[in-house]
Amino acid sequence: ARRSEPDSLSSVGAGSLMRVRAWPRSLPRRQRLSRALSAVAGGPVAELLLPRVHTALSRDIGATPGQRLVVSVSGGCDSVALLHLLLALQPRWRLRLHVLHFNHGLRPESGDEEAFVHALAERHSLPVHVRRLPAGWRESQPGGIQERSREWRRAESLALLDELDAAGPPQFSSADADFADEPGAASLVALAHHADDQAETVLLKALRGCHLSNLRGMEWRAGRFVRPLLGVRKEELSAYLGALGEGWREDATNAEPTYKRNRIRLQLLPLLEELTGGGLLARLGAASEQSAQLREWLDQAHAAHVAADPAWARSGGRALSVAPLLAAQTMVQEELLHRLARGASVGRLSLTRDALRRVRAQLARSGQEWVLELSGGWLLRRTGATVSIAGAEASVAELAVGEAGVRLRHPAELAVRAGVARGPRAELPPGALALRLGGLGSERELTLREWRRGDRFHPQGRRAPVSLSHFLRGLDVPLDERRRAPLLCLPNSSTVVAVCRPAHVGSGFEVAAPSPGAEAAAEEPCLWVQILDQ
């Protein structure tokens, strides 16, 4: 039982809440709750709920007195009960309440629900905001309608908050003058998710095969969205409205076993509640808490690992050193590989459990160089002491150097600059590489890419081109760096014009040093290329 904090809300304290749980477990859950509510000495159902909602606002959500709170009200039992509970707490909180209703227009009852919410808000003199789906939205938007509707509601809610905050802080009456000096807090949206919704969320994640560290349920506060009812059961909310003599509107689709969440609510939850003797929510709550602790530990382990991994820093989060990766605990290994895949693919690649097993098995085998195909055309590549993930066909950008008439194609993930300088005496940007424009021929086109098998490079002072791998090996460049070194090449060719890191310009492309009195040579234009660190 939670301790009720202020004296004004302590008429039902820990003892009363403990009496709710003292009824024999052999009784059906609904009957136990009904008897418990009637047993609260001289008090209505509100005496049982108000202290919990008050504690949620102050302790779990961190709301401040006088804060503007936009209550999302569908017209159903949960959201109507939330609005009435917040209204009942007004003597303590003086919240600036607004009502927000979403009319999806997808059911015949939508108009009646909107009118009901309008009347409810007007009865309590609350501002009401209605948002309706645009005509043709259902047909024009791809994806599942539930997920798209949720994204639409979220975007509209945040837009309303910004609109209200831009209009200025809440206005206080003379009766609320004590709150006028409170520091202005950003407006929040209150959602009516309750304890049964929380149980559904955890079970739904488990059925989807969610990782244990992400099994936790909804948060009391997530950004600007708050859920004051996560500690309240659905039955308590309906009993509360019944005690007040307040009605609500039922969404008939909630009783249809079409969606998986509905089947969990209607079929699975009652069965599990029976099998656990009424202890399902407590057990799922413990699992959710342990999941959050595991997630915190993995976040810390990941941060510590990559902070000490030079390959991660050198590649901008696109590669990991193999030795420390294999030395990490199994769950940390999988976390590192999962985040490597998500980061390198910008969220497009997510490694399944089976894929992680394959990757770990491949890493454990000997071999300094191999490629493992993943889903969606993505490749896991081991090169020497590092492992990285890249697309089979990386997106390419093109940079035009107008004055020189040169086109430079490069991986879109790299930030590249290029320009023209006049001879070797010209001052170049830091780390830039200079090439003689005359060596590029008439096409004036270059490609910036990584190593490919068969690449050839003609070092200055050598009679003929050599294997690029042999050249870099002679410079003691590690294998993984040899494979990732940015190369300037002629298009559709294995001829490497220059190695950018470490910087080496091939024979015939170097900018000649000026000889005494050779002013014309000093003015010969050259192309400079700079790769920016990201």
Protein backbone atom coordinates (compact mmCIF):
# COMPACT_ATOMS: atom_id res chain seq x y z
CA ALA A 1 0.00 0.00 0.00
CA ARG A 2 1.18 3.48 -0.80
CA ARG A 3 1.47 6.13 1.87
CA SER A 4 -0.86 9.09 1.21
CA GLU A 5 1.24 12.23 1.51
CA PRO A 6 -0.74 15.37 2.49
CA ASP A 7 -2.98 15.52 5.56
CA SER A 8 -5.92 16.63 3.43
CA LEU A 9 -5.89 13.29 1.60
CA SER A 10 -5.09 10.96 4.48
CA SER A 11 -8.60 9.99 5.53
CA VAL A 12 -8.00 6.63 3.86
CA GLY A 13 -4.46 5.58 4.69
CA ALA A 14 -2.39 2.46 4.62
CA GLY A 15 -4.75 0.58 6.93
CA SER A 16 -7.72 0.99 4.61
CA LEU A 17 -5.69 -0.05 1.60
CA MET A 18 -4.42 -3.07 3.46
CA ARG A 19 -8.02 -4.07 4.23
CA VAL A 20 -8.67 -4.17 0.48
CA ARG A 21 -6.08 -6.92 0.19
CA ALA A 22 -7.21 -8.81 3.30
CA TRP A 23 -10.18 -10.55 1.68
CA PRO A 24 -9.65 -14.27 1.09
CA ARG A 25 -7.98 -15.13 -2.21
CA SER A 26 -10.56 -17.88 -2.68
CA LEU A 27 -13.20 -15.26 -3.57
CA PRO A 28 -13.42 -14.15 -7.22
CA ARG A 29 -11.47 -10.96 -7.89
CA ARG A 30 -14.54 -8.83 -8.71
CA GLN A 31 -16.31 -9.97 -5.54
CA ARG A 32 -13.24 -9.27 -3.35
CA LEU A 33 -12.99 -5.75 -4.77
CA SER A 34 -16.70 -5.08 -4.31
CA ARG A 35 -16.62 -6.16 -0.67
CA ALA A 36 -13.45 -4.18 -0.02
CA LEU A 37 -14.91 -0.98 -1.41
CA SER A 38 -18.04 -1.32 0.67
CA ALA A 39 -15.92 -1.99 3.77
CA VAL A 40 -14.06 1.34 3.70
CA ALA A 41 -15.37 3.02 6.84
CA GLY A 42 -17.93 5.66 5.93
CA GLY A 43 -16.18 6.66 2.72
CA PRO A 44 -17.01 6.47 -0.98
CA VAL A 45 -14.84 4.83 -3.59
CA ALA A 46 -13.11 8.18 -4.12
CA GLU A 47 -11.44 7.87 -0.72
CA LEU A 48 -9.63 4.83 -2.02
CA LEU A 49 -8.48 6.33 -5.35
CA LEU A 50 -7.74 10.00 -4.68
CA PRO A 51 -4.67 9.41 -2.46
CA ARG A 52 -3.14 7.16 -5.11
CA VAL A 53 -3.72 9.58 -7.96
CA HIS A 54 -2.42 12.43 -5.81
CA THR A 55 0.75 10.47 -5.03
CA ALA A 56 1.20 9.61 -8.71
CA LEU A 57 1.01 13.30 -9.66
CA SER A 58 3.47 14.43 -7.01
CA ARG A 59 5.93 11.54 -6.73
CA ASP A 60 5.83 9.57 -9.97
CA ILE A 61 5.00 12.32 -12.46
CA GLY A 62 6.48 15.39 -10.79
CA ALA A 63 3.56 17.69 -11.61
CA THR A 64 3.42 21.13 -9.99
CA PRO A 65 0.41 22.96 -8.53
CA GLY A 66 -1.24 25.23 -11.04
CA GLN A 67 0.25 23.38 -14.02
CA ARG A 68 -1.69 23.19 -17.28
CA LEU A 69 -2.83 19.62 -17.94
CA VAL A 70 -4.51 18.58 -21.20
CA VAL A 71 -6.64 15.51 -20.48
CA SER A 72 -7.15 13.21 -23.45
CA VAL A 73 -10.81 12.16 -23.16
CA SER A 74 -12.29 9.63 -25.58
CA GLY A 75 -15.60 9.39 -23.74
CA GLY A 76 -14.84 5.91 -22.44
CA CYS A 77 -14.81 4.84 -18.82
CA ASP A 78 -11.08 5.27 -18.21
CA SER A 79 -10.63 8.79 -19.56
CA VAL A 80 -13.90 10.06 -18.06
CA ALA A 81 -12.85 8.69 -14.66
CA LEU A 82 -9.42 10.34 -15.02
CA LEU A 83 -11.06 13.71 -15.70
CA HIS A 84 -13.34 13.40 -12.66
CA LEU A 85 -10.45 12.35 -10.41
CA LEU A 86 -8.42 15.39 -11.50
CA LEU A 87 -11.44 17.62 -10.93
CA ALA A 88 -11.79 16.16 -7.43
CA LEU A 89 -8.15 17.00 -6.72
CA GLN A 90 -8.59 20.64 -7.75
CA PRO A 91 -8.77 21.97 -4.15
CA ARG A 92 -5.22 20.68 -3.67
CA TRP A 93 -3.68 21.09 -7.14
CA ARG A 94 -5.49 23.98 -8.90
CA LEU A 95 -4.55 22.40 -12.23
CA ARG A 96 -5.39 24.33 -15.40
CA LEU A 97 -7.37 21.55 -17.03
CA HIS A 98 -8.14 21.33 -20.77
CA VAL A 99 -10.02 18.53 -22.53
CA LEU A 100 -8.73 17.06 -25.81
CA HIS A 101 -10.90 14.71 -27.88
CA PHE A 102 -9.92 12.84 -31.04
CA ASN A 103 -12.69 12.04 -33.52
CA HIS A 104 -11.34 9.42 -35.91
CA GLY A 105 -14.60 9.28 -37.82
CA LEU A 106 -14.15 5.55 -38.33
CA ARG A 107 -17.28 4.37 -36.46
CA PRO A 108 -20.92 5.48 -36.55
CA GLU A 109 -20.72 6.38 -32.84
CA SER A 110 -17.90 8.91 -33.34
CA GLY A 111 -20.24 11.90 -33.55
CA ASP A 112 -22.15 10.90 -30.40
CA GLU A 113 -18.88 10.45 -28.47
CA GLU A 114 -17.65 13.89 -29.53
CA ALA A 115 -20.94 15.49 -28.40
CA PHE A 116 -20.73 13.63 -25.07
CA VAL A 117 -17.18 14.88 -24.39
CA HIS A 118 -18.19 18.43 -25.40
CA ALA A 119 -21.08 18.38 -22.93
CA LEU A 120 -18.89 16.96 -20.16
CA ALA A 121 -16.26 19.67 -20.60
CA GLU A 122 -18.84 22.46 -20.78
CA ARG A 123 -20.56 21.19 -17.62
CA HIS A 124 -17.31 21.77 -15.75
CA SER A 125 -16.42 24.98 -17.62
CA LEU A 126 -13.29 23.44 -19.17
CA PRO A 127 -11.81 24.42 -22.54
CA VAL A 128 -12.30 21.63 -25.05
CA HIS A 129 -10.24 20.91 -28.17
CA VAL A 130 -11.38 18.49 -30.87
CA ARG A 131 -9.13 17.03 -33.55
CA ARG A 132 -10.61 15.15 -36.52
CA LEU A 133 -8.88 12.95 -39.06
CA PRO A 134 -8.67 14.60 -42.49
CA ALA A 135 -10.89 13.19 -45.23
CA GLY A 136 -9.25 10.30 -47.09
CA TRP A 137 -6.60 9.83 -44.39
CA ARG A 138 -7.33 6.14 -43.96
CA GLU A 139 -6.75 5.35 -47.64
CA SER A 140 -3.81 7.68 -48.18
CA GLN A 141 -1.59 6.53 -45.31
CA PRO A 142 0.42 3.26 -45.43
CA GLY A 143 0.73 0.89 -42.49
CA GLY A 144 -1.57 -0.43 -39.78
CA ILE A 145 -4.43 1.84 -38.81
CA GLN A 146 -3.90 1.47 -35.05
CA GLU A 147 -0.26 2.47 -35.19
CA ARG A 148 -0.93 5.33 -37.62
CA SER A 149 -3.79 6.63 -35.48
CA ARG A 150 -1.56 6.57 -32.42
CA GLU A 151 1.15 8.54 -34.23
CA TRP A 152 -1.46 11.06 -35.41
CA ARG A 153 -2.83 11.54 -31.89
CA ARG A 154 0.66 11.99 -30.49
CA ALA A 155 1.60 14.61 -33.10
CA GLU A 156 -1.67 16.51 -32.62
CA SER A 157 -1.26 16.43 -28.82
CA LEU A 158 2.24 17.88 -28.96
CA ALA A 159 1.13 20.54 -31.44
CA LEU A 160 -1.66 21.59 -29.04
CA LEU A 161 0.78 21.81 -26.12
CA ASP A 162 3.09 24.04 -28.15
CA GLU A 163 0.13 26.19 -29.15
CA LEU A 164 -1.03 26.60 -25.54
CA ASP A 165 2.46 27.30 -24.22
CA ALA A 166 3.05 29.87 -26.95
CA ALA A 167 -0.12 31.68 -25.84
CA GLY A 168 1.44 32.27 -22.42
CA PRO A 169 1.26 30.81 -18.90
CA PRO A 170 -2.09 29.81 -17.35
CA GLN A 171 -4.25 32.65 -16.04
CA PHE A 172 -5.15 32.46 -12.34
CA SER A 173 -8.23 33.80 -10.61
CA SER A 174 -8.05 35.73 -7.36
CA ALA A 175 -8.91 32.50 -5.50
CA ASP A 176 -5.76 30.91 -6.94
CA ALA A 177 -3.49 33.89 -6.39
CA ASP A 178 -1.10 31.76 -4.34
CA PHE A 179 -0.19 29.81 -7.48
CA ALA A 180 0.52 32.85 -9.65
CA ASP A 181 4.10 33.04 -8.37
CA GLU A 182 4.83 29.35 -9.09
CA PRO A 183 7.57 28.87 -11.73
CA GLY A 184 5.93 28.15 -15.08
CA ALA A 185 6.07 24.45 -15.98
CA ALA A 186 5.51 23.14 -19.49
CA SER A 187 2.02 21.87 -20.26
CA LEU A 188 1.45 18.10 -20.16
CA VAL A 189 -0.96 15.60 -21.73
CA ALA A 190 -2.65 13.21 -19.30
CA LEU A 191 -3.50 9.76 -20.67
CA ALA A 192 -5.87 7.30 -18.98
CA HIS A 193 -3.80 4.11 -19.21
CA HIS A 194 -4.34 2.08 -16.03
CA ALA A 195 -2.91 -0.98 -14.29
CA ASP A 196 -4.75 -3.46 -16.52
CA ASP A 197 -3.43 -1.68 -19.63
CA GLN A 198 0.03 -2.00 -18.13
CA ALA A 199 -0.41 -5.76 -17.76
CA GLU A 200 -1.63 -6.02 -21.36
CA THR A 201 1.44 -4.10 -22.57
CA VAL A 202 3.91 -6.39 -20.78
CA LEU A 203 2.14 -9.54 -22.00
CA LEU A 204 1.94 -8.20 -25.56
CA LYS A 205 5.69 -7.51 -25.56
CA ALA A 206 6.38 -10.99 -24.22
CA LEU A 207 4.26 -12.58 -26.96
CA ARG A 208 6.15 -10.57 -29.59
CA GLY A 209 9.45 -11.99 -28.36
CA CYS A 210 10.66 -8.69 -26.93
CA HIS A 211 14.12 -8.67 -25.32
CA LEU A 212 13.99 -9.07 -21.54
CA SER A 213 15.50 -5.62 -21.04
CA ASN A 214 12.66 -4.03 -23.01
CA LEU A 215 9.83 -5.97 -21.39
CA ARG A 216 9.01 -3.14 -19.00
CA GLY A 217 5.64 -1.47 -19.24
CA MET A 218 4.58 2.12 -19.80
CA GLU A 219 6.18 4.92 -17.79
CA TRP A 220 4.38 7.29 -15.47
CA ARG A 221 5.92 10.12 -17.43
CA ALA A 222 7.38 9.89 -20.93
CA GLY A 223 8.37 13.29 -22.23
CA ARG A 224 5.26 15.46 -22.10
CA PHE A 225 2.83 12.55 -21.72
CA VAL A 226 1.81 11.43 -18.22
CA ARG A 227 -0.24 8.48 -16.93
CA PRO A 228 -1.66 9.15 -13.45
CA LEU A 229 -3.74 5.94 -13.38
CA LEU A 230 -1.07 3.26 -13.75
CA GLY A 231 -1.63 2.27 -10.13
CA VAL A 232 -5.41 1.95 -10.50
CA ARG A 233 -7.42 -1.04 -11.73
CA LYS A 234 -10.07 -0.81 -14.45
CA GLU A 235 -12.74 -2.08 -12.06
CA GLU A 236 -11.94 0.69 -9.59
CA LEU A 237 -12.48 3.33 -12.27
CA SER A 238 -15.90 1.98 -13.26
CA ALA A 239 -16.85 1.66 -9.58
CA TYR A 240 -15.78 5.28 -9.03
CA LEU A 241 -17.96 6.57 -11.86
CA GLY A 242 -20.82 4.43 -10.60
CA ALA A 243 -20.49 5.99 -7.14
CA LEU A 244 -20.59 9.45 -8.74
CA GLY A 245 -23.58 8.57 -10.89
CA GLU A 246 -21.58 9.44 -14.02
CA GLY A 247 -21.95 7.68 -17.34
CA TRP A 248 -19.57 7.09 -20.23
CA ARG A 249 -19.56 5.78 -23.77
CA GLU A 250 -18.48 2.26 -24.62
CA ASP A 251 -16.42 1.59 -27.74
CA ALA A 252 -17.93 -1.61 -29.13
CA THR A 253 -14.69 -2.49 -30.94
CA ASN A 254 -13.00 -3.06 -27.57
CA ALA A 255 -15.11 -6.21 -27.18
CA GLU A 256 -14.16 -7.59 -30.61
CA PRO A 257 -11.38 -10.22 -30.63
CA THR A 258 -10.03 -8.80 -33.90
CA TYR A 259 -6.88 -7.25 -32.47
CA LYS A 260 -4.30 -9.13 -30.41
CA ARG A 261 -4.51 -6.64 -27.54
CA ASN A 262 -8.28 -7.22 -27.29
CA ARG A 263 -7.77 -10.98 -27.12
CA ILE A 264 -5.21 -10.53 -24.35
CA ARG A 265 -7.68 -8.35 -22.43
CA LEU A 266 -10.73 -10.53 -22.98
CA GLN A 267 -9.26 -14.03 -22.90
CA LEU A 268 -5.69 -14.26 -21.65
CA LEU A 269 -5.74 -11.82 -18.72
CA PRO A 270 -8.76 -13.43 -16.96
CA LEU A 271 -7.20 -16.88 -17.32
CA LEU A 272 -3.80 -15.79 -15.96
CA GLU A 273 -5.50 -13.87 -13.16
CA GLU A 274 -7.27 -17.07 -12.15
CA LEU A 275 -4.15 -19.22 -12.41
CA THR A 276 -2.12 -16.79 -10.27
CA GLY A 277 -4.81 -16.51 -7.61
CA GLY A 278 -5.28 -12.80 -8.25
CA GLY A 279 -1.56 -12.01 -8.15
CA LEU A 280 -0.97 -11.45 -11.87
CA LEU A 281 -0.49 -7.69 -11.77
CA ALA A 282 1.97 -7.87 -8.89
CA ARG A 283 4.05 -10.47 -10.70
CA LEU A 284 4.03 -8.59 -13.99
CA GLY A 285 4.92 -5.42 -12.10
CA ALA A 286 7.94 -7.15 -10.58
CA ALA A 287 8.98 -8.44 -14.02
CA SER A 288 8.63 -4.95 -15.46
CA GLU A 289 10.78 -3.48 -12.70
CA GLN A 290 13.49 -6.12 -13.16
CA SER A 291 13.40 -5.46 -16.92
CA ALA A 292 14.03 -1.76 -16.30
CA GLN A 293 16.99 -2.62 -14.06
CA LEU A 294 18.43 -4.92 -16.73
CA ARG A 295 18.03 -2.19 -19.36
CA GLU A 296 19.87 0.27 -17.12
CA TRP A 297 22.73 -2.20 -16.61
CA LEU A 298 23.03 -2.90 -20.37
CA ASP A 299 23.05 0.83 -21.15
CA GLN A 300 25.89 1.35 -18.69
CA ALA A 301 27.83 -1.67 -19.97
CA HIS A 302 27.46 -0.49 -23.58
CA ALA A 303 28.61 3.04 -22.75
CA ALA A 304 31.66 1.79 -20.84
CA HIS A 305 32.64 -0.65 -23.60
CA VAL A 306 32.46 1.73 -26.56
CA ALA A 307 34.22 4.48 -24.57
CA ALA A 308 37.26 2.19 -24.33
CA ASP A 309 37.07 0.84 -27.90
CA PRO A 310 39.28 2.79 -30.35
CA ALA A 311 37.60 1.16 -33.36
CA TRP A 312 34.21 2.55 -32.29
CA ALA A 313 35.59 6.08 -31.92
CA ARG A 314 37.65 5.91 -35.11
CA SER A 315 34.71 4.71 -37.20
CA GLY A 316 32.08 7.00 -35.72
CA GLY A 317 30.15 4.09 -34.21
CA ARG A 318 30.32 1.87 -37.31
CA ALA A 319 32.86 -0.71 -36.13
CA LEU A 320 33.88 -2.68 -33.03
CA SER A 321 37.19 -4.24 -32.02
CA VAL A 322 36.82 -8.03 -32.09
CA ALA A 323 39.00 -9.01 -29.09
CA PRO A 324 37.23 -6.93 -26.40
CA LEU A 325 33.88 -7.78 -27.98
CA LEU A 326 34.51 -11.52 -27.57
CA ALA A 327 35.74 -10.94 -24.00
CA ALA A 328 32.46 -9.31 -22.95
CA GLN A 329 29.58 -11.19 -21.36
CA THR A 330 27.20 -12.84 -23.82
CA MET A 331 24.31 -10.44 -23.19
CA VAL A 332 26.66 -7.45 -23.51
CA GLN A 333 28.05 -8.87 -26.78
CA GLU A 334 24.55 -9.07 -28.20
CA GLU A 335 23.74 -5.55 -27.01
CA LEU A 336 26.88 -4.20 -28.69
CA LEU A 337 26.14 -5.98 -31.97
CA HIS A 338 22.48 -4.94 -31.89
CA ARG A 339 23.36 -1.28 -31.41
CA LEU A 340 26.11 -1.48 -34.03
CA ALA A 341 23.55 -2.75 -36.55
CA ARG A 342 20.91 -0.16 -35.60
CA GLY A 343 23.40 2.70 -35.71
CA ALA A 344 25.22 1.75 -38.92
CA SER A 345 21.91 1.20 -40.73
CA VAL A 346 20.23 4.30 -39.25
CA GLY A 347 17.56 2.09 -37.69
CA ARG A 348 16.84 0.02 -40.81
CA LEU A 349 18.47 -3.20 -39.58
CA SER A 350 17.49 -4.97 -36.38
CA LEU A 351 19.25 -8.24 -35.57
CA THR A 352 16.94 -11.04 -34.48
CA ARG A 353 17.89 -13.54 -31.81
CA ASP A 354 18.82 -16.11 -34.47
CA ALA A 355 20.89 -13.55 -36.38
CA LEU A 356 22.80 -12.63 -33.21
CA ARG A 357 23.60 -16.31 -32.63
CA ARG A 358 24.93 -16.60 -36.19
CA VAL A 359 27.06 -13.48 -35.81
CA ARG A 360 28.54 -14.59 -32.48
CA ALA A 361 29.29 -18.05 -33.87
CA GLN A 362 31.01 -16.54 -36.90
CA LEU A 363 33.07 -14.18 -34.73
CA ALA A 364 34.24 -17.09 -32.57
CA ARG A 365 35.71 -18.86 -35.61
CA SER A 366 39.21 -18.12 -36.80
CA GLY A 367 39.77 -15.95 -39.83
CA GLN A 368 40.90 -12.40 -40.26
CA GLU A 369 38.70 -11.50 -43.19
CA TRP A 370 35.16 -12.63 -44.03
CA VAL A 371 31.70 -11.31 -44.92
CA LEU A 372 28.39 -12.53 -43.46
CA GLU A 373 25.14 -11.67 -45.25
CA LEU A 374 22.33 -10.30 -43.08
CA SER A 375 18.73 -9.46 -43.93
CA GLY A 376 17.87 -6.56 -46.23
CA GLY A 377 21.15 -6.73 -48.16
CA TRP A 378 23.26 -5.69 -45.15
CA LEU A 379 26.71 -7.20 -44.65
CA LEU A 380 28.69 -7.94 -41.50
CA ARG A 381 32.36 -7.69 -42.41
CA ARG A 382 35.36 -8.70 -40.35
CA THR A 383 38.57 -7.05 -41.40
CA GLY A 384 41.55 -7.88 -39.21
CA ALA A 385 40.89 -6.80 -35.66
CA THR A 386 37.54 -5.08 -36.31
CA VAL A 387 33.99 -5.97 -37.33
CA SER A 388 31.65 -3.56 -39.10
CA ILE A 389 28.24 -3.46 -40.78
CA ALA A 390 27.52 -1.85 -44.13
CA GLY A 391 24.89 -1.95 -46.83
CA ALA A 392 25.51 -4.01 -49.94
CA GLU A 393 24.89 -0.84 -51.92
CA ALA A 394 25.67 2.27 -49.89
CA SER A 395 23.97 5.50 -50.91
CA VAL A 396 26.18 7.79 -52.98
CA ALA A 397 26.38 11.57 -53.12
CA GLU A 398 27.98 13.71 -55.81
CA LEU A 399 30.04 16.84 -55.30
CA ALA A 400 30.65 19.20 -58.22
CA VAL A 401 33.71 21.45 -58.23
CA GLY A 402 32.47 23.94 -60.77
CA GLU A 403 35.64 25.93 -61.34
CA ALA A 404 37.61 22.79 -62.12
CA GLY A 405 34.80 20.98 -63.91
CA VAL A 406 35.37 17.96 -61.66
CA ARG A 407 32.64 15.62 -60.34
CA LEU A 408 33.44 13.70 -57.17
CA ARG A 409 31.20 10.78 -56.15
CA HIS A 410 31.48 9.69 -52.52
CA PRO A 411 29.55 7.70 -49.86
CA ALA A 412 26.69 9.83 -48.60
CA GLU A 413 27.70 9.07 -45.01
CA LEU A 414 30.99 10.95 -45.47
CA ALA A 415 31.23 14.73 -45.21
CA VAL A 416 33.53 15.81 -48.06
CA ARG A 417 34.74 19.20 -49.28
CA ALA A 418 36.66 19.97 -52.46
CA GLY A 419 37.97 23.04 -54.25
CA VAL A 420 40.67 24.46 -56.52
CA ALA A 421 44.01 25.94 -55.44
CA ARG A 422 46.75 27.57 -57.49
CA GLY A 423 49.90 25.52 -57.35
CA PRO A 424 51.89 24.11 -54.41
CA ARG A 425 52.35 27.50 -52.77
CA ALA A 426 48.58 27.79 -52.15
CA GLU A 427 47.34 27.30 -48.59
CA LEU A 428 45.11 24.22 -48.30
CA PRO A 429 42.50 23.35 -45.64
CA PRO A 430 43.83 21.18 -42.78
CA GLY A 431 44.21 17.55 -43.78
CA ALA A 432 43.34 18.22 -47.44
CA LEU A 433 44.95 16.23 -50.24
CA ALA A 434 46.10 18.03 -53.43
CA LEU A 435 46.01 16.48 -56.93
CA ARG A 436 47.29 17.84 -60.24
CA LEU A 437 44.24 18.56 -62.38
CA GLY A 438 46.14 17.70 -65.56
CA GLY A 439 46.50 14.10 -64.42
CA LEU A 440 42.72 13.53 -64.44
CA GLY A 441 42.40 13.71 -68.20
CA SER A 442 39.35 14.99 -70.07
CA GLU A 443 36.65 13.21 -68.05
CA ARG A 444 37.51 15.00 -64.79
CA GLU A 445 35.62 12.49 -62.65
CA LEU A 446 36.71 10.82 -59.40
CA THR A 447 35.20 8.29 -57.01
CA LEU A 448 35.86 8.19 -53.28
CA ARG A 449 35.48 4.64 -51.94
CA GLU A 450 37.04 1.91 -49.80
CA TRP A 451 39.37 -0.92 -50.84
CA ARG A 452 38.36 -3.48 -53.43
CA ARG A 453 40.16 -6.64 -54.41
CA GLY A 454 42.51 -5.95 -57.33
CA ASP A 455 43.13 -2.26 -56.55
CA ARG A 456 46.44 -0.95 -57.96
CA PHE A 457 48.45 2.08 -56.87
CA HIS A 458 51.49 3.72 -58.50
CA PRO A 459 53.63 5.16 -55.69
CA GLN A 460 55.85 8.11 -56.48
CA GLY A 461 59.38 7.01 -57.35
CA ARG A 462 58.32 3.52 -58.50
CA ARG A 463 58.51 2.40 -62.11
CA ALA A 464 55.14 0.61 -62.17
CA PRO A 465 51.91 0.25 -60.19
CA VAL A 466 51.79 -2.26 -57.31
CA SER A 467 49.06 -3.97 -55.34
CA LEU A 468 47.49 -1.41 -53.01
CA SER A 469 47.36 -4.00 -50.21
CA HIS A 470 51.10 -4.68 -50.55
CA PHE A 471 51.87 -0.96 -50.58
CA LEU A 472 49.89 -0.26 -47.39
CA ARG A 473 51.25 -3.39 -45.69
CA GLY A 474 54.74 -2.06 -46.33
CA LEU A 475 53.76 1.06 -44.42
CA ASP A 476 52.69 -1.12 -41.44
CA VAL A 477 49.04 -0.10 -41.81
CA PRO A 478 46.85 -2.61 -39.88
CA LEU A 479 44.57 -4.80 -41.97
CA ASP A 480 41.32 -3.24 -40.76
CA GLU A 481 42.63 0.25 -41.54
CA ARG A 482 43.86 -0.89 -44.96
CA ARG A 483 40.36 -2.05 -45.82
CA ARG A 484 38.68 1.13 -44.57
CA ALA A 485 41.16 3.70 -45.92
CA PRO A 486 39.35 6.27 -48.14
CA LEU A 487 40.64 6.05 -51.71
CA LEU A 488 40.35 8.49 -54.61
CA CYS A 489 39.97 6.41 -57.78
CA LEU A 490 39.22 6.81 -61.44
CA PRO A 491 35.56 5.86 -62.11
CA ASN A 492 34.82 2.17 -62.78
CA SER A 493 38.49 1.36 -62.44
CA SER A 494 40.91 -0.36 -60.07
CA THR A 495 43.37 2.52 -60.53
CA VAL A 496 43.83 4.33 -57.23
CA VAL A 497 44.79 7.99 -57.71
CA ALA A 498 45.45 8.72 -54.03
CA VAL A 499 45.16 7.19 -50.58
CA CYS A 500 43.56 9.74 -48.25
CA ARG A 501 44.52 8.16 -44.90
CA PRO A 502 47.49 7.82 -44.64
CA ALA A 503 47.96 10.51 -47.30
CA HIS A 504 49.76 9.33 -50.44
CA VAL A 505 49.27 10.73 -53.95
CA GLY A 506 50.01 8.44 -56.90
CA SER A 507 52.63 9.08 -59.54
CA GLY A 508 51.41 11.43 -62.25
CA PHE A 509 48.87 13.11 -59.94
CA GLU A 510 51.26 14.81 -57.55
CA VAL A 511 51.56 18.60 -57.59
CA ALA A 512 55.10 19.36 -58.67
CA ALA A 513 57.20 21.56 -56.43
CA PRO A 514 58.10 24.83 -58.18
CA SER A 515 61.64 25.18 -59.49
CA PRO A 516 63.48 28.52 -59.17
CA GLY A 517 62.08 31.06 -61.65
CA ALA A 518 59.28 28.75 -62.81
CA GLU A 519 56.38 31.06 -62.01
CA ALA A 520 54.08 29.45 -64.56
CA ALA A 521 54.35 26.10 -62.83
CA ALA A 522 53.51 27.75 -59.53
CA GLU A 523 50.23 28.94 -60.98
CA GLU A 524 49.13 25.54 -62.30
CA PRO A 525 45.73 24.75 -60.67
CA CYS A 526 45.28 21.71 -58.44
CA LEU A 527 42.27 20.01 -56.92
CA TRP A 528 42.11 19.64 -53.14
CA VAL A 529 39.88 17.15 -51.34
CA GLN A 530 39.14 17.19 -47.61
CA ILE A 531 37.31 14.49 -45.62
CA LEU A 532 35.77 15.98 -42.50
CA ASP A 533 35.74 14.04 -39.23
CA GLN A 534 32.14 13.44 -38.06
